[in-house]
Amino acid sequence: MPDAPDRPLTPGKVKRLLDAALASAPAGAVVVIEAGGVRLQGVGTGPCAKDIQRRATNELKARMRARVRAHLKGSGKTPDWPTWLGYSVDDLRAHLEARFTEGMTWQNIGRWHIDHIRPLASFTITGPDCPEFRAAWALENLQPLWAKDNLSKGARWKP
């Protein structure tokens, strides 16, 4: 028997409804709890969906950047990202070293950045299992670039 709209949901009922909704929800869906139960809003619907998706994407990008930086400095734990991307820290290090320009070393990594040839902003990344995520972090899309040049480049990209 469904709950009456004017009858409050018990905490146990809310948890059961929420667990069931989350188990069947597509990636990125928003679960809305109402007096009558739970409903799903798909990705791209609802008043805050774009903002929620943008924040989640930016969080994923920031975590990935931090993880790569930590592993290149040798302070990272066993990484998940080789599983996601198909290459190891050593592969990334060798790839970047092969593209160093004069004056670039691992000791002055603060003066140069790991640049995305096609900027992260041009990808629609929804999670680490998304094909766009792999393309954004593919070795072919990464290069060492002096910090000044990378910052002036920004998110500009010509396909």
N, C-alpha and C. Protein backbone atom coordinates (compact mmCIF):
# COMPACT_ATOMS: atom_id res chain seq x y z
N MET A 1 0.84 -1.18 0.00
CA MET A 1 0.00 0.00 0.00
C MET A 1 0.89 1.24 0.00
N PRO A 2 0.75 2.14 -1.00
CA PRO A 2 1.60 3.33 -1.05
C PRO A 2 1.31 4.26 0.11
N ASP A 3 2.34 5.01 0.49
CA ASP A 3 2.18 5.96 1.59
C ASP A 3 1.26 7.09 1.15
N ALA A 4 0.44 7.55 2.07
CA ALA A 4 -0.42 8.70 1.79
C ALA A 4 0.46 9.93 1.68
N PRO A 5 0.15 10.86 0.77
CA PRO A 5 0.99 12.05 0.59
C PRO A 5 1.15 12.88 1.86
N ASP A 6 0.14 12.86 2.76
CA ASP A 6 0.25 13.67 3.96
C ASP A 6 0.88 12.93 5.14
N ARG A 7 1.21 11.67 4.93
CA ARG A 7 1.82 10.86 6.00
C ARG A 7 3.34 10.87 5.82
N PRO A 8 4.09 11.28 6.84
CA PRO A 8 5.55 11.33 6.68
C PRO A 8 6.16 9.93 6.54
N LEU A 9 7.24 9.87 5.78
CA LEU A 9 7.95 8.61 5.61
C LEU A 9 8.83 8.35 6.83
N THR A 10 8.90 7.11 7.25
CA THR A 10 9.78 6.76 8.36
C THR A 10 11.21 6.69 7.83
N PRO A 11 12.19 6.87 8.70
CA PRO A 11 13.58 6.78 8.24
C PRO A 11 13.89 5.43 7.57
N GLY A 12 13.35 4.35 8.10
CA GLY A 12 13.58 3.04 7.49
C GLY A 12 13.01 2.95 6.09
N LYS A 13 11.82 3.51 5.90
CA LYS A 13 11.16 3.51 4.59
C LYS A 13 11.97 4.35 3.60
N VAL A 14 12.45 5.50 4.06
CA VAL A 14 13.26 6.37 3.20
C VAL A 14 14.51 5.63 2.75
N LYS A 15 15.18 4.95 3.69
CA LYS A 15 16.40 4.21 3.34
C LYS A 15 16.12 3.11 2.34
N ARG A 16 15.04 2.34 2.55
CA ARG A 16 14.71 1.26 1.61
C ARG A 16 14.39 1.81 0.22
N LEU A 17 13.61 2.89 0.18
CA LEU A 17 13.26 3.50 -1.11
C LEU A 17 14.50 4.05 -1.81
N LEU A 18 15.34 4.71 -1.03
CA LEU A 18 16.55 5.30 -1.59
C LEU A 18 17.50 4.22 -2.11
N ASP A 19 17.71 3.16 -1.33
CA ASP A 19 18.58 2.07 -1.76
C ASP A 19 18.07 1.43 -3.05
N ALA A 20 16.76 1.21 -3.13
CA ALA A 20 16.17 0.61 -4.33
C ALA A 20 16.32 1.54 -5.52
N ALA A 21 16.09 2.83 -5.31
CA ALA A 21 16.20 3.79 -6.41
C ALA A 21 17.64 3.91 -6.90
N LEU A 22 18.59 3.96 -5.97
CA LEU A 22 19.99 4.09 -6.36
C LEU A 22 20.49 2.84 -7.09
N ALA A 23 19.99 1.69 -6.70
CA ALA A 23 20.41 0.44 -7.35
C ALA A 23 19.97 0.40 -8.80
N SER A 24 18.85 1.02 -9.12
CA SER A 24 18.33 0.96 -10.48
C SER A 24 18.57 2.24 -11.27
N ALA A 25 19.14 3.24 -10.63
CA ALA A 25 19.32 4.54 -11.28
C ALA A 25 20.45 4.50 -12.30
N PRO A 26 20.27 5.13 -13.46
CA PRO A 26 21.37 5.24 -14.40
C PRO A 26 22.43 6.20 -13.85
N ALA A 27 23.64 6.10 -14.37
CA ALA A 27 24.72 6.96 -13.91
C ALA A 27 24.34 8.42 -14.10
N GLY A 28 24.53 9.21 -13.07
CA GLY A 28 24.25 10.63 -13.15
C GLY A 28 22.83 11.02 -12.83
N ALA A 29 21.95 10.05 -12.59
CA ALA A 29 20.57 10.38 -12.27
C ALA A 29 20.48 10.98 -10.87
N VAL A 30 19.50 11.83 -10.68
CA VAL A 30 19.28 12.46 -9.39
C VAL A 30 18.08 11.79 -8.74
N VAL A 31 18.25 11.34 -7.50
CA VAL A 31 17.16 10.70 -6.76
C VAL A 31 16.48 11.78 -5.92
N VAL A 32 15.16 11.91 -6.09
CA VAL A 32 14.38 12.91 -5.36
C VAL A 32 13.45 12.20 -4.40
N ILE A 33 13.54 12.53 -3.12
CA ILE A 33 12.66 11.93 -2.11
C ILE A 33 11.51 12.90 -1.88
N GLU A 34 10.29 12.39 -2.05
CA GLU A 34 9.09 13.20 -1.83
C GLU A 34 8.23 12.50 -0.79
N ALA A 35 7.17 13.17 -0.36
CA ALA A 35 6.28 12.60 0.65
C ALA A 35 5.69 11.28 0.18
N GLY A 36 5.39 11.15 -1.09
CA GLY A 36 4.78 9.93 -1.61
C GLY A 36 5.76 8.85 -1.98
N GLY A 37 7.04 9.09 -1.89
CA GLY A 37 8.03 8.07 -2.25
C GLY A 37 9.27 8.69 -2.88
N VAL A 38 9.87 7.95 -3.77
CA VAL A 38 11.12 8.35 -4.41
C VAL A 38 10.91 8.37 -5.91
N ARG A 39 11.49 9.36 -6.58
CA ARG A 39 11.45 9.36 -8.04
C ARG A 39 12.84 9.72 -8.55
N LEU A 40 13.10 9.35 -9.79
CA LEU A 40 14.39 9.62 -10.41
C LEU A 40 14.25 10.74 -11.42
N GLN A 41 15.24 11.61 -11.43
CA GLN A 41 15.35 12.58 -12.50
C GLN A 41 16.56 12.15 -13.30
N GLY A 42 16.40 11.99 -14.58
CA GLY A 42 17.52 11.57 -15.43
C GLY A 42 18.56 12.66 -15.56
N VAL A 43 19.68 12.30 -16.12
CA VAL A 43 20.74 13.27 -16.37
C VAL A 43 20.19 14.32 -17.32
N GLY A 44 20.47 15.58 -17.03
CA GLY A 44 20.03 16.64 -17.92
C GLY A 44 18.62 17.12 -17.64
N THR A 45 18.00 16.67 -16.56
CA THR A 45 16.68 17.16 -16.21
C THR A 45 16.73 17.74 -14.82
N GLY A 46 15.73 18.50 -14.49
CA GLY A 46 15.67 19.10 -13.16
C GLY A 46 16.41 20.42 -13.13
N PRO A 47 16.10 21.24 -12.13
CA PRO A 47 16.64 22.59 -12.09
C PRO A 47 18.15 22.67 -11.87
N CYS A 48 18.73 21.69 -11.20
CA CYS A 48 20.15 21.76 -10.85
C CYS A 48 20.99 20.69 -11.54
N ALA A 49 20.42 19.96 -12.48
CA ALA A 49 21.12 18.80 -13.05
C ALA A 49 22.43 19.18 -13.72
N LYS A 50 22.44 20.27 -14.49
CA LYS A 50 23.68 20.67 -15.17
C LYS A 50 24.75 21.05 -14.16
N ASP A 51 24.35 21.76 -13.12
CA ASP A 51 25.30 22.16 -12.09
C ASP A 51 25.85 20.94 -11.36
N ILE A 52 24.99 19.99 -11.04
CA ILE A 52 25.42 18.76 -10.36
C ILE A 52 26.39 17.99 -11.23
N GLN A 53 26.07 17.86 -12.52
CA GLN A 53 26.93 17.11 -13.43
C GLN A 53 28.27 17.83 -13.60
N ARG A 54 28.25 19.16 -13.70
CA ARG A 54 29.48 19.93 -13.87
C ARG A 54 30.38 19.77 -12.65
N ARG A 55 29.79 19.85 -11.46
CA ARG A 55 30.58 19.69 -10.23
C ARG A 55 31.20 18.30 -10.13
N ALA A 56 30.44 17.28 -10.49
CA ALA A 56 30.95 15.91 -10.43
C ALA A 56 32.10 15.73 -11.42
N THR A 57 31.96 16.29 -12.62
CA THR A 57 33.01 16.19 -13.63
C THR A 57 34.26 16.92 -13.17
N ASN A 58 34.11 18.12 -12.64
CA ASN A 58 35.27 18.88 -12.16
C ASN A 58 35.96 18.17 -11.00
N GLU A 59 35.19 17.54 -10.13
CA GLU A 59 35.77 16.78 -9.01
C GLU A 59 36.60 15.61 -9.53
N LEU A 60 36.08 14.91 -10.52
CA LEU A 60 36.81 13.78 -11.10
C LEU A 60 38.11 14.26 -11.75
N LYS A 61 38.05 15.36 -12.49
CA LYS A 61 39.25 15.90 -13.13
C LYS A 61 40.29 16.30 -12.08
N ALA A 62 39.85 16.96 -11.03
CA ALA A 62 40.78 17.40 -9.98
C ALA A 62 41.42 16.21 -9.28
N ARG A 63 40.63 15.18 -8.99
CA ARG A 63 41.19 13.99 -8.34
C ARG A 63 42.20 13.30 -9.24
N MET A 64 41.91 13.23 -10.52
CA MET A 64 42.82 12.58 -11.45
C MET A 64 44.13 13.36 -11.55
N ARG A 65 44.05 14.68 -11.65
CA ARG A 65 45.26 15.50 -11.70
C ARG A 65 46.11 15.27 -10.45
N ALA A 66 45.47 15.29 -9.30
CA ALA A 66 46.20 15.11 -8.04
C ALA A 66 46.83 13.73 -7.97
N ARG A 67 46.12 12.73 -8.44
CA ARG A 67 46.64 11.36 -8.40
C ARG A 67 47.86 11.22 -9.31
N VAL A 68 47.79 11.77 -10.51
CA VAL A 68 48.92 11.71 -11.44
C VAL A 68 50.12 12.43 -10.84
N ARG A 69 49.88 13.63 -10.31
CA ARG A 69 50.97 14.41 -9.72
C ARG A 69 51.63 13.65 -8.57
N ALA A 70 50.83 13.04 -7.70
CA ALA A 70 51.38 12.30 -6.56
C ALA A 70 52.22 11.11 -7.02
N HIS A 71 51.76 10.40 -8.02
CA HIS A 71 52.50 9.22 -8.48
C HIS A 71 53.78 9.60 -9.21
N LEU A 72 53.76 10.70 -9.93
CA LEU A 72 54.99 11.13 -10.60
C LEU A 72 56.04 11.57 -9.58
N LYS A 73 55.59 12.09 -8.46
CA LYS A 73 56.52 12.49 -7.40
C LYS A 73 56.91 11.31 -6.51
N GLY A 74 56.29 10.15 -6.73
CA GLY A 74 56.63 8.96 -5.98
C GLY A 74 55.92 8.83 -4.65
N SER A 75 54.92 9.68 -4.40
CA SER A 75 54.25 9.63 -3.10
C SER A 75 52.85 9.02 -3.17
N GLY A 76 52.45 8.54 -4.33
CA GLY A 76 51.11 7.98 -4.46
C GLY A 76 51.03 6.54 -4.00
N LYS A 77 49.82 6.12 -3.61
CA LYS A 77 49.59 4.73 -3.26
C LYS A 77 49.43 3.95 -4.55
N THR A 78 49.18 2.66 -4.45
CA THR A 78 48.97 1.86 -5.65
C THR A 78 47.81 2.47 -6.44
N PRO A 79 48.06 2.92 -7.65
CA PRO A 79 47.03 3.68 -8.37
C PRO A 79 45.97 2.80 -9.03
N ASP A 80 44.76 3.35 -9.13
CA ASP A 80 43.69 2.72 -9.90
C ASP A 80 43.78 3.12 -11.36
N TRP A 81 44.36 4.27 -11.61
CA TRP A 81 44.30 4.81 -12.96
C TRP A 81 44.99 3.99 -14.03
N PRO A 82 46.03 3.18 -13.75
CA PRO A 82 46.52 2.32 -14.83
C PRO A 82 45.44 1.35 -15.31
N THR A 83 44.59 0.92 -14.41
CA THR A 83 43.47 0.05 -14.80
C THR A 83 42.50 0.82 -15.68
N TRP A 84 42.23 2.07 -15.33
CA TRP A 84 41.29 2.88 -16.10
C TRP A 84 41.86 3.26 -17.46
N LEU A 85 43.18 3.54 -17.52
CA LEU A 85 43.76 4.14 -18.72
C LEU A 85 44.58 3.19 -19.57
N GLY A 86 45.07 2.11 -18.99
CA GLY A 86 45.83 1.16 -19.78
C GLY A 86 47.31 1.44 -19.86
N TYR A 87 47.83 2.35 -19.02
CA TYR A 87 49.27 2.56 -18.97
C TYR A 87 49.69 2.82 -17.53
N SER A 88 50.98 2.62 -17.28
CA SER A 88 51.49 2.74 -15.91
C SER A 88 52.15 4.11 -15.70
N VAL A 89 52.55 4.36 -14.47
CA VAL A 89 53.27 5.59 -14.13
C VAL A 89 54.57 5.64 -14.93
N ASP A 90 55.25 4.49 -15.04
CA ASP A 90 56.51 4.45 -15.80
C ASP A 90 56.28 4.78 -17.27
N ASP A 91 55.17 4.29 -17.84
CA ASP A 91 54.83 4.62 -19.23
C ASP A 91 54.62 6.13 -19.39
N LEU A 92 53.90 6.72 -18.45
CA LEU A 92 53.64 8.17 -18.50
C LEU A 92 54.95 8.94 -18.36
N ARG A 93 55.78 8.53 -17.42
CA ARG A 93 57.06 9.21 -17.21
C ARG A 93 57.93 9.15 -18.47
N ALA A 94 58.02 7.98 -19.09
CA ALA A 94 58.82 7.82 -20.31
C ALA A 94 58.23 8.66 -21.45
N HIS A 95 56.91 8.67 -21.57
CA HIS A 95 56.24 9.45 -22.61
C HIS A 95 56.57 10.94 -22.46
N LEU A 96 56.48 11.45 -21.24
CA LEU A 96 56.75 12.86 -21.01
C LEU A 96 58.23 13.19 -21.22
N GLU A 97 59.12 12.33 -20.70
CA GLU A 97 60.56 12.57 -20.86
C GLU A 97 60.95 12.64 -22.33
N ALA A 98 60.35 11.80 -23.15
CA ALA A 98 60.66 11.79 -24.59
C ALA A 98 60.26 13.11 -25.25
N ARG A 99 59.38 13.87 -24.61
CA ARG A 99 58.89 15.11 -25.19
C ARG A 99 59.40 16.36 -24.45
N PHE A 100 60.31 16.17 -23.49
CA PHE A 100 60.89 17.31 -22.78
C PHE A 100 61.58 18.23 -23.78
N THR A 101 61.41 19.53 -23.57
CA THR A 101 62.18 20.49 -24.35
C THR A 101 63.37 20.92 -23.50
N GLU A 102 64.25 21.70 -24.07
CA GLU A 102 65.47 22.09 -23.37
C GLU A 102 65.14 22.76 -22.04
N GLY A 103 65.77 22.28 -20.97
CA GLY A 103 65.59 22.85 -19.64
C GLY A 103 64.57 22.12 -18.78
N MET A 104 63.76 21.24 -19.35
CA MET A 104 62.76 20.51 -18.56
C MET A 104 63.41 19.32 -17.87
N THR A 105 63.17 19.21 -16.56
CA THR A 105 63.63 18.06 -15.78
C THR A 105 62.55 17.73 -14.76
N TRP A 106 62.70 16.60 -14.10
CA TRP A 106 61.74 16.24 -13.05
C TRP A 106 61.95 17.12 -11.82
N GLN A 107 63.13 17.70 -11.68
CA GLN A 107 63.40 18.56 -10.53
C GLN A 107 62.69 19.92 -10.66
N ASN A 108 62.39 20.35 -11.89
CA ASN A 108 61.71 21.64 -12.05
C ASN A 108 60.29 21.48 -12.57
N ILE A 109 59.63 20.40 -12.14
CA ILE A 109 58.28 20.10 -12.61
C ILE A 109 57.29 21.23 -12.30
N GLY A 110 57.55 22.05 -11.32
CA GLY A 110 56.67 23.18 -11.04
C GLY A 110 56.70 24.24 -12.12
N ARG A 111 57.79 24.29 -12.89
CA ARG A 111 57.91 25.29 -13.96
C ARG A 111 57.27 24.83 -15.26
N TRP A 112 56.97 23.55 -15.35
CA TRP A 112 56.26 23.04 -16.52
C TRP A 112 55.06 22.21 -16.06
N HIS A 113 54.09 22.09 -16.93
CA HIS A 113 52.85 21.36 -16.61
C HIS A 113 52.69 20.17 -17.53
N ILE A 114 51.85 19.24 -17.12
CA ILE A 114 51.41 18.18 -18.02
C ILE A 114 50.19 18.74 -18.74
N ASP A 115 50.37 19.04 -20.00
CA ASP A 115 49.33 19.68 -20.80
C ASP A 115 48.49 18.64 -21.52
N HIS A 116 47.20 18.89 -21.59
CA HIS A 116 46.31 18.10 -22.43
C HIS A 116 46.25 18.81 -23.78
N ILE A 117 46.75 18.15 -24.81
CA ILE A 117 46.75 18.75 -26.15
C ILE A 117 45.33 19.16 -26.52
N ARG A 118 44.40 18.25 -26.38
CA ARG A 118 42.97 18.60 -26.46
C ARG A 118 42.54 18.84 -25.02
N PRO A 119 42.15 20.06 -24.67
CA PRO A 119 41.88 20.40 -23.27
C PRO A 119 40.78 19.55 -22.63
N LEU A 120 40.91 19.34 -21.33
CA LEU A 120 39.90 18.58 -20.59
C LEU A 120 38.52 19.20 -20.75
N ALA A 121 38.46 20.52 -20.86
CA ALA A 121 37.17 21.20 -20.98
C ALA A 121 36.41 20.81 -22.24
N SER A 122 37.11 20.27 -23.24
CA SER A 122 36.44 19.91 -24.50
C SER A 122 35.84 18.50 -24.46
N PHE A 123 36.07 17.77 -23.38
CA PHE A 123 35.53 16.42 -23.23
C PHE A 123 34.29 16.44 -22.35
N THR A 124 33.40 15.49 -22.58
CA THR A 124 32.25 15.29 -21.71
C THR A 124 32.53 14.05 -20.88
N ILE A 125 33.08 14.25 -19.71
CA ILE A 125 33.50 13.13 -18.86
C ILE A 125 32.45 12.91 -17.79
N THR A 126 31.94 11.69 -17.72
CA THR A 126 30.92 11.36 -16.72
C THR A 126 31.45 10.43 -15.64
N GLY A 127 32.60 9.83 -15.84
CA GLY A 127 33.17 8.93 -14.86
C GLY A 127 34.41 8.27 -15.41
N PRO A 128 35.16 7.55 -14.57
CA PRO A 128 36.40 6.93 -15.03
C PRO A 128 36.19 5.81 -16.03
N ASP A 129 34.98 5.29 -16.15
CA ASP A 129 34.71 4.23 -17.11
C ASP A 129 34.18 4.77 -18.44
N CYS A 130 34.10 6.07 -18.56
CA CYS A 130 33.60 6.75 -19.76
C CYS A 130 34.69 6.77 -20.83
N PRO A 131 34.37 6.50 -22.11
CA PRO A 131 35.38 6.53 -23.18
C PRO A 131 36.06 7.90 -23.31
N GLU A 132 35.32 8.97 -23.03
CA GLU A 132 35.90 10.32 -23.10
C GLU A 132 37.00 10.49 -22.04
N PHE A 133 36.84 9.85 -20.90
CA PHE A 133 37.85 9.91 -19.84
C PHE A 133 39.15 9.31 -20.35
N ARG A 134 39.06 8.13 -20.97
CA ARG A 134 40.26 7.47 -21.52
C ARG A 134 40.91 8.33 -22.60
N ALA A 135 40.10 8.93 -23.47
CA ALA A 135 40.64 9.77 -24.54
C ALA A 135 41.33 11.02 -23.97
N ALA A 136 40.74 11.62 -22.95
CA ALA A 136 41.31 12.82 -22.35
C ALA A 136 42.67 12.55 -21.72
N TRP A 137 42.82 11.37 -21.09
CA TRP A 137 44.05 11.04 -20.39
C TRP A 137 44.95 10.09 -21.19
N ALA A 138 44.66 9.88 -22.47
CA ALA A 138 45.50 9.03 -23.31
C ALA A 138 46.89 9.66 -23.44
N LEU A 139 47.91 8.83 -23.52
CA LEU A 139 49.27 9.35 -23.65
C LEU A 139 49.40 10.29 -24.84
N GLU A 140 48.71 9.97 -25.93
CA GLU A 140 48.79 10.79 -27.14
C GLU A 140 48.23 12.19 -26.92
N ASN A 141 47.44 12.38 -25.87
CA ASN A 141 46.85 13.69 -25.59
C ASN A 141 47.64 14.45 -24.52
N LEU A 142 48.74 13.89 -24.03
CA LEU A 142 49.50 14.53 -22.96
C LEU A 142 50.88 14.94 -23.45
N GLN A 143 51.33 16.10 -23.00
CA GLN A 143 52.67 16.58 -23.35
C GLN A 143 53.16 17.50 -22.24
N PRO A 144 54.48 17.58 -22.05
CA PRO A 144 55.00 18.57 -21.11
C PRO A 144 55.00 19.94 -21.80
N LEU A 145 54.60 20.95 -21.08
CA LEU A 145 54.55 22.30 -21.65
C LEU A 145 54.92 23.28 -20.54
N TRP A 146 55.74 24.27 -20.89
CA TRP A 146 56.11 25.26 -19.89
C TRP A 146 54.86 25.88 -19.30
N ALA A 147 54.87 26.12 -18.00
CA ALA A 147 53.69 26.61 -17.27
C ALA A 147 53.13 27.87 -17.92
N LYS A 148 54.00 28.80 -18.26
CA LYS A 148 53.57 30.06 -18.86
C LYS A 148 52.80 29.80 -20.16
N ASP A 149 53.33 28.92 -20.99
CA ASP A 149 52.68 28.60 -22.26
C ASP A 149 51.36 27.87 -22.05
N ASN A 150 51.34 26.97 -21.08
CA ASN A 150 50.12 26.21 -20.81
C ASN A 150 49.02 27.12 -20.28
N LEU A 151 49.38 28.04 -19.39
CA LEU A 151 48.38 28.95 -18.83
C LEU A 151 47.86 29.92 -19.88
N SER A 152 48.72 30.34 -20.81
CA SER A 152 48.24 31.24 -21.86
C SER A 152 47.39 30.49 -22.88
N LYS A 153 47.64 29.20 -23.05
CA LYS A 153 46.83 28.37 -23.96
C LYS A 153 45.41 28.21 -23.44
N GLY A 154 45.28 28.03 -22.13
CA GLY A 154 43.96 27.85 -21.53
C GLY A 154 43.25 26.64 -22.09
N ALA A 155 41.95 26.77 -22.30
CA ALA A 155 41.13 25.66 -22.82
C ALA A 155 40.89 25.80 -24.31
N ARG A 156 41.71 26.61 -24.98
CA ARG A 156 41.54 26.77 -26.43
C ARG A 156 42.07 25.54 -27.15
N TRP A 157 41.35 25.17 -28.20
CA TRP A 157 41.73 23.99 -28.98
C TRP A 157 41.06 24.06 -30.33
N LYS A 158 41.82 23.79 -31.36
CA LYS A 158 41.26 23.74 -32.71
C LYS A 158 41.26 22.30 -33.17
N PRO A 159 40.06 21.71 -33.37
CA PRO A 159 39.99 20.29 -33.79
C PRO A 159 40.60 20.05 -35.16
